[in-house]
Amino acid sequence: MTTRTADIEKAAAVLRDGGLVALPTETVYGLGADAENPAALARVFRAKGRPPSHPLIVHIAGAERLGDWVREVPATARLLAARFWPGPLTLVLRRGGRVSPAATGGLETVAVRVPDHPVALALLSAFGGGVAAPSANRFGAVSPTTADHVRAELGDAVDFVLDGGPCLVGVESTIVDATGDVPSILRPGGVTREDLEAVLGRSLEVDSTGRTPVPGRHPSHYAPRARVILVGPENVVAEAELAQESGQRVGVLVPSSRAGAPVKAHTVMAVPESPAAYARGLYGILREFDRRGCDVVVVSLPADEGLGLAIANRLRRAAGPRPSR
């Protein structure tokens, strides 16, 4: 997918004018606004139906600009930024004066990252500032990994859509709290816990308490219209057929351990062979179950290791209790 220079310049102009731009990243498409413009940021929350207390991630063009947006850059943050930026890693640090409190949910911390996508980086360089960008979808729904997903879900709420092709990672960034002496993972994502631990030379905890507000920690998130049922790998086929017999239109995501097993269901799809392919295709698979009119989706969790940790996190939240839509 080739994005013209004129498109980059137009998108930068939209941001300067307080507009909203959907931009591609390596993880998912973001709904971007000027991180220093409270009125533009308010439009992001309205377009998504997102509570204003939920902080946004500020995207910047390079690690050398981090000091513009945070109060201090601890040694751990410098080490992680040097190794993983550009890339699917977000660092939570003490907020500097440049970022609007509207982007941080009123918190004294800010989430920052440098995306690893040529179109996003070109836009950030042309714009010259920070772009606060949550995923470009309705709050709690499945994240978009193509420009068509954005257009179908948000429509005219977005002033301009930059099409950078399908996202290559497919799940959101890993969020690390780097404010204190002991870093912790607040949200697993495209950088694995194992890779972080190898760089830091220490084990990292995944903070599941939710005490630190960050994107993607709502109990129901990344959810398709269909209800998601989580079972053990050995029970996927039986659970799917039981739901099908009850009159529901059932989608089933068959794990590799059950590959080739006949399944009586409305829609049967197979778990991609590699964790990277699974992460890249996860949201598209959930959207496809919705497109085919499934009422429920039966799936098992991968092991909590490597990218499986992020995939399992997204599936647990997709299966979480949700408000009626």
C-alpha atoms as a PDB file:
ATOM      1  CA  MET A   1       0.000   0.000   0.000  1.00  0.00           C
ATOM      2  CA  THR A   2       1.578   3.266  -1.149  1.00  0.00           C
ATOM      3  CA  THR A   3       0.532   6.408   0.687  1.00  0.00           C
ATOM      4  CA  ARG A   4       1.119   9.622  -1.213  1.00  0.00           C
ATOM      5  CA  THR A   5       3.047  12.540   0.273  1.00  0.00           C
ATOM      6  CA  ALA A   6      -0.035  14.649  -0.412  1.00  0.00           C
ATOM      7  CA  ASP A   7      -2.073  12.360   1.862  1.00  0.00           C
ATOM      8  CA  ILE A   8       0.474  12.752   4.668  1.00  0.00           C
ATOM      9  CA  GLU A   9       0.425  16.519   4.296  1.00  0.00           C
ATOM     10  CA  LYS A  10      -3.368  16.600   4.269  1.00  0.00           C
ATOM     11  CA  ALA A  11      -3.542  14.438   7.394  1.00  0.00           C
ATOM     12  CA  ALA A  12      -1.054  16.707   9.186  1.00  0.00           C
ATOM     13  CA  ALA A  13      -3.139  19.742   8.220  1.00  0.00           C
ATOM     14  CA  VAL A  14      -6.283  18.076   9.573  1.00  0.00           C
ATOM     15  CA  LEU A  15      -4.536  17.478  12.892  1.00  0.00           C
ATOM     16  CA  ARG A  16      -3.340  21.098  13.078  1.00  0.00           C
ATOM     17  CA  ASP A  17      -6.917  22.251  12.485  1.00  0.00           C
ATOM     18  CA  GLY A  18      -8.196  20.177  15.410  1.00  0.00           C
ATOM     19  CA  GLY A  19      -9.514  17.328  13.281  1.00  0.00           C
ATOM     20  CA  LEU A  20      -9.389  13.551  13.660  1.00  0.00           C
ATOM     21  CA  VAL A  21      -7.172  11.306  11.530  1.00  0.00           C
ATOM     22  CA  ALA A  22      -7.255   7.513  11.453  1.00  0.00           C
ATOM     23  CA  LEU A  23      -3.668   6.370  11.077  1.00  0.00           C
ATOM     24  CA  PRO A  24      -2.105   2.956  10.573  1.00  0.00           C
ATOM     25  CA  THR A  25       0.389   1.538  13.047  1.00  0.00           C
ATOM     26  CA  GLU A  26       2.029  -1.858  13.225  1.00  0.00           C
ATOM     27  CA  THR A  27      -0.456  -2.860  15.949  1.00  0.00           C
ATOM     28  CA  VAL A  28      -3.918  -1.520  15.049  1.00  0.00           C
ATOM     29  CA  TYR A  29      -5.335   1.611  13.411  1.00  0.00           C
ATOM     30  CA  GLY A  30      -5.496   4.593  15.752  1.00  0.00           C
ATOM     31  CA  LEU A  31      -7.923   7.505  15.938  1.00  0.00           C
ATOM     32  CA  GLY A  32      -5.530  10.417  16.218  1.00  0.00           C
ATOM     33  CA  ALA A  33      -5.811  13.982  17.476  1.00  0.00           C
ATOM     34  CA  ASP A  34      -3.356  16.682  18.504  1.00  0.00           C
ATOM     35  CA  ALA A  35      -2.191  15.687  22.000  1.00  0.00           C
ATOM     36  CA  GLU A  36      -2.025  19.388  22.984  1.00  0.00           C
ATOM     37  CA  ASN A  37      -5.543  20.305  21.834  1.00  0.00           C
ATOM     38  CA  PRO A  38      -8.267  19.633  24.448  1.00  0.00           C
ATOM     39  CA  ALA A  39     -11.109  20.301  21.990  1.00  0.00           C
ATOM     40  CA  ALA A  40      -9.717  17.811  19.466  1.00  0.00           C
ATOM     41  CA  LEU A  41      -9.175  15.236  22.196  1.00  0.00           C
ATOM     42  CA  ALA A  42     -12.781  15.669  23.332  1.00  0.00           C
ATOM     43  CA  ARG A  43     -13.832  14.755  19.789  1.00  0.00           C
ATOM     44  CA  VAL A  44     -11.883  11.483  20.069  1.00  0.00           C
ATOM     45  CA  PHE A  45     -13.799  10.499  23.198  1.00  0.00           C
ATOM     46  CA  ARG A  46     -17.149  11.426  21.604  1.00  0.00           C
ATOM     47  CA  ALA A  47     -16.409   9.556  18.360  1.00  0.00           C
ATOM     48  CA  LYS A  48     -15.504   6.382  20.251  1.00  0.00           C
ATOM     49  CA  GLY A  49     -18.072   6.687  23.029  1.00  0.00           C
ATOM     50  CA  ARG A  50     -15.092   6.367  25.367  1.00  0.00           C
ATOM     51  CA  PRO A  51     -15.198   7.625  28.973  1.00  0.00           C
ATOM     52  CA  PRO A  52     -12.929  10.700  29.288  1.00  0.00           C
ATOM     53  CA  SER A  53     -11.312   9.158  32.367  1.00  0.00           C
ATOM     54  CA  HIS A  54      -9.674   6.507  30.174  1.00  0.00           C
ATOM     55  CA  PRO A  55      -6.212   7.792  29.161  1.00  0.00           C
ATOM     56  CA  LEU A  56      -4.935   7.793  25.591  1.00  0.00           C
ATOM     57  CA  ILE A  57      -1.523   6.859  24.191  1.00  0.00           C
ATOM     58  CA  VAL A  58       0.554   9.729  22.821  1.00  0.00           C
ATOM     59  CA  HIS A  59       2.464   8.759  19.674  1.00  0.00           C
ATOM     60  CA  ILE A  60       5.701  10.584  18.905  1.00  0.00           C
ATOM     61  CA  ALA A  61       8.128  10.488  15.990  1.00  0.00           C
ATOM     62  CA  GLY A  62      11.212   9.274  17.851  1.00  0.00           C
ATOM     63  CA  ALA A  63      12.730   8.415  21.211  1.00  0.00           C
ATOM     64  CA  GLU A  64      14.744  11.640  21.128  1.00  0.00           C
ATOM     65  CA  ARG A  65      11.469  13.553  21.566  1.00  0.00           C
ATOM     66  CA  LEU A  66      10.391  11.692  24.693  1.00  0.00           C
ATOM     67  CA  GLY A  67      11.719  14.423  26.967  1.00  0.00           C
ATOM     68  CA  ASP A  68       9.268  16.894  25.396  1.00  0.00           C
ATOM     69  CA  TRP A  69       6.330  14.943  26.811  1.00  0.00           C
ATOM     70  CA  VAL A  70       7.412  13.582  30.181  1.00  0.00           C
ATOM     71  CA  ARG A  71       8.825  15.092  33.360  1.00  0.00           C
ATOM     72  CA  GLU A  72      11.763  12.702  33.578  1.00  0.00           C
ATOM     73  CA  VAL A  73      13.114   9.713  31.695  1.00  0.00           C
ATOM     74  CA  PRO A  74      14.383   7.041  34.125  1.00  0.00           C
ATOM     75  CA  ALA A  75      17.195   4.713  33.114  1.00  0.00           C
ATOM     76  CA  THR A  76      14.777   1.797  32.638  1.00  0.00           C
ATOM     77  CA  ALA A  77      12.692   3.832  30.207  1.00  0.00           C
ATOM     78  CA  ARG A  78      15.790   4.848  28.248  1.00  0.00           C
ATOM     79  CA  LEU A  79      16.894   1.237  28.001  1.00  0.00           C
ATOM     80  CA  LEU A  80      13.507  -0.017  26.805  1.00  0.00           C
ATOM     81  CA  ALA A  81      13.057   2.845  24.336  1.00  0.00           C
ATOM     82  CA  ALA A  82      16.506   2.235  22.863  1.00  0.00           C
ATOM     83  CA  ARG A  83      15.725  -1.452  22.325  1.00  0.00           C
ATOM     84  CA  PHE A  84      12.064  -1.466  21.309  1.00  0.00           C
ATOM     85  CA  TRP A  85      11.317   1.881  19.624  1.00  0.00           C
ATOM     86  CA  PRO A  86      10.015   2.185  17.025  1.00  0.00           C
ATOM     87  CA  GLY A  87       7.818  -0.725  18.026  1.00  0.00           C
ATOM     88  CA  PRO A  88       4.762  -2.015  19.880  1.00  0.00           C
ATOM     89  CA  LEU A  89       5.845  -0.857  23.351  1.00  0.00           C
ATOM     90  CA  THR A  90       4.182   1.927  25.362  1.00  0.00           C
ATOM     91  CA  LEU A  91       5.900   3.470  28.376  1.00  0.00           C
ATOM     92  CA  VAL A  92       3.952   5.049  31.230  1.00  0.00           C
ATOM     93  CA  LEU A  93       5.914   7.956  32.737  1.00  0.00           C
ATOM     94  CA  ARG A  94       5.320  11.147  34.701  1.00  0.00           C
ATOM     95  CA  ARG A  95       3.445  13.640  32.557  1.00  0.00           C
ATOM     96  CA  GLY A  96       5.258  16.702  31.269  1.00  0.00           C
ATOM     97  CA  GLY A  97       3.634  20.081  30.759  1.00  0.00           C
ATOM     98  CA  ARG A  98       3.236  19.799  27.000  1.00  0.00           C
ATOM     99  CA  VAL A  99       0.624  17.030  26.929  1.00  0.00           C
ATOM    100  CA  SER A 100      -2.972  18.060  27.606  1.00  0.00           C
ATOM    101  CA  PRO A 101      -4.517  16.554  30.767  1.00  0.00           C
ATOM    102  CA  ALA A 102      -7.428  15.577  28.500  1.00  0.00           C
ATOM    103  CA  ALA A 103      -5.143  12.960  26.913  1.00  0.00           C
ATOM    104  CA  THR A 104      -4.189  11.444  30.264  1.00  0.00           C
ATOM    105  CA  GLY A 105      -7.619  11.150  31.859  1.00  0.00           C
ATOM    106  CA  GLY A 106      -6.487  13.800  34.338  1.00  0.00           C
ATOM    107  CA  LEU A 107      -3.666  11.576  35.610  1.00  0.00           C
ATOM    108  CA  GLU A 108      -0.149  12.738  36.410  1.00  0.00           C
ATOM    109  CA  THR A 109       1.225  10.027  34.136  1.00  0.00           C
ATOM    110  CA  VAL A 110       1.201   9.755  30.355  1.00  0.00           C
ATOM    111  CA  ALA A 111       1.484   6.733  28.053  1.00  0.00           C
ATOM    112  CA  VAL A 112       3.922   7.292  25.149  1.00  0.00           C
ATOM    113  CA  ARG A 113       5.198   5.239  22.255  1.00  0.00           C
ATOM    114  CA  VAL A 114       6.931   5.451  18.858  1.00  0.00           C
ATOM    115  CA  PRO A 115       5.007   3.349  16.300  1.00  0.00           C
ATOM    116  CA  ASP A 116       6.854   1.112  13.860  1.00  0.00           C
ATOM    117  CA  HIS A 117       4.965   2.011  10.696  1.00  0.00           C
ATOM    118  CA  PRO A 118       6.357   4.191   7.887  1.00  0.00           C
ATOM    119  CA  VAL A 119       3.060   5.993   7.313  1.00  0.00           C
ATOM    120  CA  ALA A 120       2.556   6.777  10.997  1.00  0.00           C
ATOM    121  CA  LEU A 121       6.150   7.988  11.340  1.00  0.00           C
ATOM    122  CA  ALA A 122       5.842  10.151   8.234  1.00  0.00           C
ATOM    123  CA  LEU A 123       2.673  11.724   9.621  1.00  0.00           C
ATOM    124  CA  LEU A 124       4.235  12.355  13.035  1.00  0.00           C
ATOM    125  CA  SER A 125       7.268  13.981  11.421  1.00  0.00           C
ATOM    126  CA  ALA A 126       5.115  16.141   9.157  1.00  0.00           C
ATOM    127  CA  PHE A 127       2.838  17.153  12.012  1.00  0.00           C
ATOM    128  CA  GLY A 128       5.713  17.918  14.347  1.00  0.00           C
ATOM    129  CA  GLY A 129       3.860  17.179  17.580  1.00  0.00           C
ATOM    130  CA  GLY A 130       2.362  14.324  19.525  1.00  0.00           C
ATOM    131  CA  VAL A 131      -0.722  12.462  18.338  1.00  0.00           C
ATOM    132  CA  ALA A 132      -2.969  10.961  20.996  1.00  0.00           C
ATOM    133  CA  ALA A 133      -4.552   7.916  19.414  1.00  0.00           C
ATOM    134  CA  PRO A 134      -6.652   5.119  20.887  1.00  0.00           C
ATOM    135  CA  SER A 135      -7.814   2.349  18.561  1.00  0.00           C
ATOM    136  CA  ALA A 136     -10.092   3.661  15.815  1.00  0.00           C
ATOM    137  CA  ASN A 137     -13.278   1.831  16.820  1.00  0.00           C
ATOM    138  CA  ARG A 138     -16.220   2.198  19.157  1.00  0.00           C
ATOM    139  CA  PHE A 139     -15.277   1.822  22.796  1.00  0.00           C
ATOM    140  CA  GLY A 140     -15.073  -1.834  23.829  1.00  0.00           C
ATOM    141  CA  ALA A 141     -15.469  -3.205  20.304  1.00  0.00           C
ATOM    142  CA  VAL A 142     -13.007  -5.181  18.175  1.00  0.00           C
ATOM    143  CA  SER A 143      -9.977  -3.101  17.217  1.00  0.00           C
ATOM    144  CA  PRO A 144      -9.475  -2.270  13.511  1.00  0.00           C
ATOM    145  CA  THR A 145      -6.539  -3.691  11.586  1.00  0.00           C
ATOM    146  CA  THR A 146      -7.448  -2.274   8.152  1.00  0.00           C
ATOM    147  CA  ALA A 147      -8.626   1.111   6.903  1.00  0.00           C
ATOM    148  CA  ASP A 148     -11.894  -0.492   5.774  1.00  0.00           C
ATOM    149  CA  HIS A 149     -12.597  -1.563   9.379  1.00  0.00           C
ATOM    150  CA  VAL A 150     -12.255   2.090  10.437  1.00  0.00           C
ATOM    151  CA  ARG A 151     -14.517   3.406   7.703  1.00  0.00           C
ATOM    152  CA  ALA A 152     -17.183   0.788   8.395  1.00  0.00           C
ATOM    153  CA  GLU A 153     -17.283   1.493  12.122  1.00  0.00           C
ATOM    154  CA  LEU A 154     -16.637   5.215  12.526  1.00  0.00           C
ATOM    155  CA  GLY A 155     -17.690   6.631   9.158  1.00  0.00           C
ATOM    156  CA  ASP A 156     -17.999  10.411   9.086  1.00  0.00           C
ATOM    157  CA  ALA A 157     -16.767  10.741  12.688  1.00  0.00           C
ATOM    158  CA  VAL A 158     -13.241  10.635  11.188  1.00  0.00           C
ATOM    159  CA  ASP A 159     -12.113  13.605   9.118  1.00  0.00           C
ATOM    160  CA  PHE A 160      -9.433  11.715   7.196  1.00  0.00           C
ATOM    161  CA  VAL A 161      -8.333   8.063   6.949  1.00  0.00           C
ATOM    162  CA  LEU A 162      -4.738   7.270   6.070  1.00  0.00           C
ATOM    163  CA  ASP A 163      -4.658   3.821   4.468  1.00  0.00           C
ATOM    164  CA  GLY A 164      -1.398   2.072   5.259  1.00  0.00           C
ATOM    165  CA  GLY A 165      -2.549  -1.457   4.510  1.00  0.00           C
ATOM    166  CA  PRO A 166      -3.186  -4.264   7.028  1.00  0.00           C
ATOM    167  CA  CYS A 167      -1.474  -4.028  10.408  1.00  0.00           C
ATOM    168  CA  LEU A 168       1.415  -6.470  10.742  1.00  0.00           C
ATOM    169  CA  VAL A 169       1.340  -7.121  14.508  1.00  0.00           C
ATOM    170  CA  GLY A 170      -2.430  -7.085  14.950  1.00  0.00           C
ATOM    171  CA  VAL A 171      -2.715  -6.665  18.739  1.00  0.00           C
ATOM    172  CA  GLU A 172      -2.103  -3.489  20.665  1.00  0.00           C
ATOM    173  CA  SER A 173       1.198  -2.441  22.196  1.00  0.00           C
ATOM    174  CA  THR A 174       2.573  -3.771  25.457  1.00  0.00           C
ATOM    175  CA  ILE A 175       2.207  -1.132  28.185  1.00  0.00           C
ATOM    176  CA  VAL A 176       4.951  -0.941  30.819  1.00  0.00           C
ATOM    177  CA  ASP A 177       4.818   1.206  33.935  1.00  0.00           C
ATOM    178  CA  ALA A 178       8.305   2.739  34.091  1.00  0.00           C
ATOM    179  CA  THR A 179       7.567   5.388  36.715  1.00  0.00           C
ATOM    180  CA  GLY A 180       9.167   3.572  39.638  1.00  0.00           C
ATOM    181  CA  ASP A 181      12.204   1.487  40.468  1.00  0.00           C
ATOM    182  CA  VAL A 182      10.438  -1.767  39.598  1.00  0.00           C
ATOM    183  CA  PRO A 183       8.759  -1.783  36.164  1.00  0.00           C
ATOM    184  CA  SER A 184       5.640  -3.863  35.567  1.00  0.00           C
ATOM    185  CA  ILE A 185       3.518  -4.844  32.586  1.00  0.00           C
ATOM    186  CA  LEU A 186       0.131  -3.142  32.687  1.00  0.00           C
ATOM    187  CA  ARG A 187      -1.096  -4.629  29.405  1.00  0.00           C
ATOM    188  CA  PRO A 188       0.559  -7.464  27.457  1.00  0.00           C
ATOM    189  CA  GLY A 189       0.907  -6.810  23.754  1.00  0.00           C
ATOM    190  CA  GLY A 190       3.171  -6.899  20.738  1.00  0.00           C
ATOM    191  CA  VAL A 191       6.444  -6.964  22.722  1.00  0.00           C
ATOM    192  CA  THR A 192       6.570 -10.160  24.755  1.00  0.00           C
ATOM    193  CA  ARG A 193       7.288 -10.379  28.460  1.00  0.00           C
ATOM    194  CA  GLU A 194      10.215 -12.662  27.669  1.00  0.00           C
ATOM    195  CA  ASP A 195      11.812 -10.042  25.386  1.00  0.00           C
ATOM    196  CA  LEU A 196      11.390  -7.332  28.009  1.00  0.00           C
ATOM    197  CA  GLU A 197      12.900  -9.533  30.704  1.00  0.00           C
ATOM    198  CA  ALA A 198      15.877 -10.375  28.505  1.00  0.00           C
ATOM    199  CA  VAL A 199      16.685  -6.682  28.067  1.00  0.00           C
ATOM    200  CA  LEU A 200      16.112  -5.715  31.697  1.00  0.00           C
ATOM    201  CA  GLY A 201      17.755  -8.774  33.186  1.00  0.00           C
ATOM    202  CA  ARG A 202      14.918  -9.316  35.645  1.00  0.00           C
ATOM    203  CA  SER A 203      11.486 -10.896  35.811  1.00  0.00           C
ATOM    204  CA  LEU A 204       8.424  -8.717  35.273  1.00  0.00           C
ATOM    205  CA  GLU A 205       5.023  -9.002  36.861  1.00  0.00           C
ATOM    206  CA  VAL A 206       1.825  -8.514  34.877  1.00  0.00           C
ATOM    207  CA  ASP A 207      -0.272  -6.124  36.964  1.00  0.00           C
ATOM    208  CA  SER A 208      -3.848  -7.415  36.745  1.00  0.00           C
ATOM    209  CA  THR A 209      -5.221  -5.260  39.572  1.00  0.00           C
ATOM    210  CA  GLY A 210      -6.365  -2.437  37.324  1.00  0.00           C
ATOM    211  CA  ARG A 211      -5.290   0.149  39.910  1.00  0.00           C
ATOM    212  CA  THR A 212      -3.332   2.038  37.239  1.00  0.00           C
ATOM    213  CA  PRO A 213      -5.738   3.275  34.523  1.00  0.00           C
ATOM    214  CA  VAL A 214      -4.340   2.509  31.068  1.00  0.00           C
ATOM    215  CA  PRO A 215      -5.919   1.711  27.688  1.00  0.00           C
ATOM    216  CA  GLY A 216      -7.453  -1.731  27.261  1.00  0.00           C
ATOM    217  CA  ARG A 217      -8.050  -2.521  30.937  1.00  0.00           C
ATOM    218  CA  HIS A 218     -11.874  -2.304  30.881  1.00  0.00           C
ATOM    219  CA  PRO A 219     -13.437  -5.669  31.880  1.00  0.00           C
ATOM    220  CA  SER A 220     -15.184  -5.898  28.500  1.00  0.00           C
ATOM    221  CA  HIS A 221     -12.964  -4.900  25.609  1.00  0.00           C
ATOM    222  CA  TYR A 222     -11.997  -6.054  22.107  1.00  0.00           C
ATOM    223  CA  ALA A 223     -15.435  -7.678  21.938  1.00  0.00           C
ATOM    224  CA  PRO A 224     -17.357  -8.747  18.814  1.00  0.00           C
ATOM    225  CA  ARG A 225     -21.158  -8.569  18.732  1.00  0.00           C
ATOM    226  CA  ALA A 226     -21.243 -12.343  19.254  1.00  0.00           C
ATOM    227  CA  ARG A 227     -20.865 -13.599  22.809  1.00  0.00           C
ATOM    228  CA  VAL A 228     -17.448 -15.194  23.384  1.00  0.00           C
ATOM    229  CA  ILE A 229     -17.281 -18.449  25.375  1.00  0.00           C
ATOM    230  CA  LEU A 230     -13.894 -19.597  26.688  1.00  0.00           C
ATOM    231  CA  VAL A 231     -13.320 -23.310  27.338  1.00  0.00           C
ATOM    232  CA  GLY A 232     -10.381 -25.671  27.533  1.00  0.00           C
ATOM    233  CA  PRO A 233      -8.927 -26.911  24.214  1.00  0.00           C
ATOM    234  CA  GLU A 234     -10.333 -30.395  24.814  1.00  0.00           C
ATOM    235  CA  ASN A 235     -13.859 -28.983  25.229  1.00  0.00           C
ATOM    236  CA  VAL A 236     -14.070 -26.631  22.225  1.00  0.00           C
ATOM    237  CA  VAL A 237     -15.838 -29.032  19.871  1.00  0.00           C
ATOM    238  CA  ALA A 238     -18.307 -30.355  22.461  1.00  0.00           C
ATOM    239  CA  GLU A 239     -19.199 -26.861  23.707  1.00  0.00           C
ATOM    240  CA  ALA A 240     -19.706 -25.583  20.173  1.00  0.00           C
ATOM    241  CA  GLU A 241     -21.987 -28.474  19.232  1.00  0.00           C
ATOM    242  CA  LEU A 242     -23.966 -28.088  22.463  1.00  0.00           C
ATOM    243  CA  ALA A 243     -24.579 -24.413  21.713  1.00  0.00           C
ATOM    244  CA  GLN A 244     -25.476 -25.262  18.108  1.00  0.00           C
ATOM    245  CA  GLU A 245     -28.039 -27.816  19.279  1.00  0.00           C
ATOM    246  CA  SER A 246     -29.679 -25.136  21.435  1.00  0.00           C
ATOM    247  CA  GLY A 247     -30.522 -23.182  18.291  1.00  0.00           C
ATOM    248  CA  GLN A 248     -27.718 -20.633  18.359  1.00  0.00           C
ATOM    249  CA  ARG A 249     -25.583 -19.800  15.356  1.00  0.00           C
ATOM    250  CA  VAL A 250     -22.191 -20.863  16.617  1.00  0.00           C
ATOM    251  CA  GLY A 251     -18.751 -19.862  15.492  1.00  0.00           C
ATOM    252  CA  VAL A 252     -15.889 -22.036  16.674  1.00  0.00           C
ATOM    253  CA  LEU A 253     -12.170 -21.370  16.556  1.00  0.00           C
ATOM    254  CA  VAL A 254     -10.621 -24.820  16.517  1.00  0.00           C
ATOM    255  CA  PRO A 255      -7.165 -25.135  18.166  1.00  0.00           C
ATOM    256  CA  SER A 256      -4.368 -27.025  16.462  1.00  0.00           C
ATOM    257  CA  SER A 257      -4.755 -29.898  18.930  1.00  0.00           C
ATOM    258  CA  ARG A 258      -8.231 -30.502  17.500  1.00  0.00           C
ATOM    259  CA  ALA A 259      -7.383 -29.824  13.847  1.00  0.00           C
ATOM    260  CA  GLY A 260      -9.287 -32.089  11.499  1.00  0.00           C
ATOM    261  CA  ALA A 261     -11.993 -32.946  14.006  1.00  0.00           C
ATOM    262  CA  PRO A 262     -15.484 -32.703  12.443  1.00  0.00           C
ATOM    263  CA  VAL A 263     -17.506 -29.931  14.086  1.00  0.00           C
ATOM    264  CA  LYS A 264     -21.216 -29.221  13.810  1.00  0.00           C
ATOM    265  CA  ALA A 265     -21.360 -25.436  13.881  1.00  0.00           C
ATOM    266  CA  HIS A 266     -22.508 -22.451  11.829  1.00  0.00           C
ATOM    267  CA  THR A 267     -18.931 -21.277  11.115  1.00  0.00           C
ATOM    268  CA  VAL A 268     -15.703 -23.180  11.758  1.00  0.00           C
ATOM    269  CA  MET A 269     -12.302 -21.478  11.607  1.00  0.00           C
ATOM    270  CA  ALA A 270      -8.864 -22.771  12.587  1.00  0.00           C
ATOM    271  CA  VAL A 271      -6.397 -21.115  14.929  1.00  0.00           C
ATOM    272  CA  PRO A 272      -3.488 -19.812  12.800  1.00  0.00           C
ATOM    273  CA  GLU A 273      -0.396 -21.975  13.000  1.00  0.00           C
ATOM    274  CA  SER A 274       2.059 -19.508  14.550  1.00  0.00           C
ATOM    275  CA  PRO A 275       1.521 -17.116  17.480  1.00  0.00           C
ATOM    276  CA  ALA A 276       2.505 -14.172  15.261  1.00  0.00           C
ATOM    277  CA  ALA A 277      -0.067 -15.161  12.635  1.00  0.00           C
ATOM    278  CA  TYR A 278      -2.675 -15.659  15.365  1.00  0.00           C
ATOM    279  CA  ALA A 279      -2.041 -12.207  16.830  1.00  0.00           C
ATOM    280  CA  ARG A 280      -2.071 -10.611  13.365  1.00  0.00           C
ATOM    281  CA  GLY A 281      -5.327 -12.304  12.416  1.00  0.00           C
ATOM    282  CA  LEU A 282      -7.210 -12.335  15.743  1.00  0.00           C
ATOM    283  CA  TYR A 283      -9.355  -9.238  15.275  1.00  0.00           C
ATOM    284  CA  GLY A 284     -10.098 -10.085  11.664  1.00  0.00           C
ATOM    285  CA  ILE A 285     -11.275 -13.537  12.763  1.00  0.00           C
ATOM    286  CA  LEU A 286     -13.604 -12.059  15.399  1.00  0.00           C
ATOM    287  CA  ARG A 287     -14.995  -9.633  12.834  1.00  0.00           C
ATOM    288  CA  GLU A 288     -15.563 -12.494  10.391  1.00  0.00           C
ATOM    289  CA  PHE A 289     -17.659 -14.393  12.939  1.00  0.00           C
ATOM    290  CA  ASP A 290     -19.828 -11.271  13.255  1.00  0.00           C
ATOM    291  CA  ARG A 291     -20.021 -10.876   9.479  1.00  0.00           C
ATOM    292  CA  ARG A 292     -21.323 -14.429   9.203  1.00  0.00           C
ATOM    293  CA  GLY A 293     -24.044 -13.752  11.771  1.00  0.00           C
ATOM    294  CA  CYS A 294     -22.782 -15.876  14.654  1.00  0.00           C
ATOM    295  CA  ASP A 295     -24.532 -15.513  18.006  1.00  0.00           C
ATOM    296  CA  VAL A 296     -21.714 -17.031  20.038  1.00  0.00           C
ATOM    297  CA  VAL A 297     -18.040 -17.829  19.458  1.00  0.00           C
ATOM    298  CA  VAL A 298     -16.376 -20.766  21.227  1.00  0.00           C
ATOM    299  CA  VAL A 299     -12.612 -20.557  21.645  1.00  0.00           C
ATOM    300  CA  SER A 300      -9.837 -21.750  23.950  1.00  0.00           C
ATOM    301  CA  LEU A 301      -6.994 -19.688  25.342  1.00  0.00           C
ATOM    302  CA  PRO A 302      -3.401 -20.127  24.178  1.00  0.00           C
ATOM    303  CA  ALA A 303      -0.642 -20.601  26.717  1.00  0.00           C
ATOM    304  CA  ASP A 304       0.344 -17.434  28.607  1.00  0.00           C
ATOM    305  CA  GLU A 305       3.779 -17.229  27.009  1.00  0.00           C
ATOM    306  CA  GLY A 306       5.212 -15.180  24.176  1.00  0.00           C
ATOM    307  CA  LEU A 307       2.497 -13.528  22.098  1.00  0.00           C
ATOM    308  CA  GLY A 308       0.064 -16.028  23.602  1.00  0.00           C
ATOM    309  CA  LEU A 309      -0.042 -13.828  26.714  1.00  0.00           C
ATOM    310  CA  ALA A 310      -1.417 -10.899  24.679  1.00  0.00           C
ATOM    311  CA  ILE A 311      -3.821 -13.079  22.696  1.00  0.00           C
ATOM    312  CA  ALA A 312      -5.199 -14.660  25.866  1.00  0.00           C
ATOM    313  CA  ASN A 313      -5.591 -11.209  27.425  1.00  0.00           C
ATOM    314  CA  ARG A 314      -7.653  -9.992  24.462  1.00  0.00           C
ATOM    315  CA  LEU A 315      -9.838 -13.109  24.451  1.00  0.00           C
ATOM    316  CA  ARG A 316     -10.507 -12.884  28.195  1.00  0.00           C
ATOM    317  CA  ARG A 317     -11.680  -9.291  27.826  1.00  0.00           C
ATOM    318  CA  ALA A 318     -13.690 -10.129  24.706  1.00  0.00           C
ATOM    319  CA  ALA A 319     -15.492 -12.722  26.853  1.00  0.00           C
ATOM    320  CA  GLY A 320     -15.961 -10.340  29.784  1.00  0.00           C
ATOM    321  CA  PRO A 321     -19.296  -9.017  31.060  1.00  0.00           C
ATOM    322  CA  ARG A 322     -20.510  -6.312  28.761  1.00  0.00           C
ATOM    323  CA  PRO A 323     -23.255  -3.725  28.718  1.00  0.00           C
ATOM    324  CA  SER A 324     -26.076  -4.355  26.270  1.00  0.00           C
ATOM    325  CA  ARG A 325     -25.472  -2.795  22.872  1.00  0.00           C
END
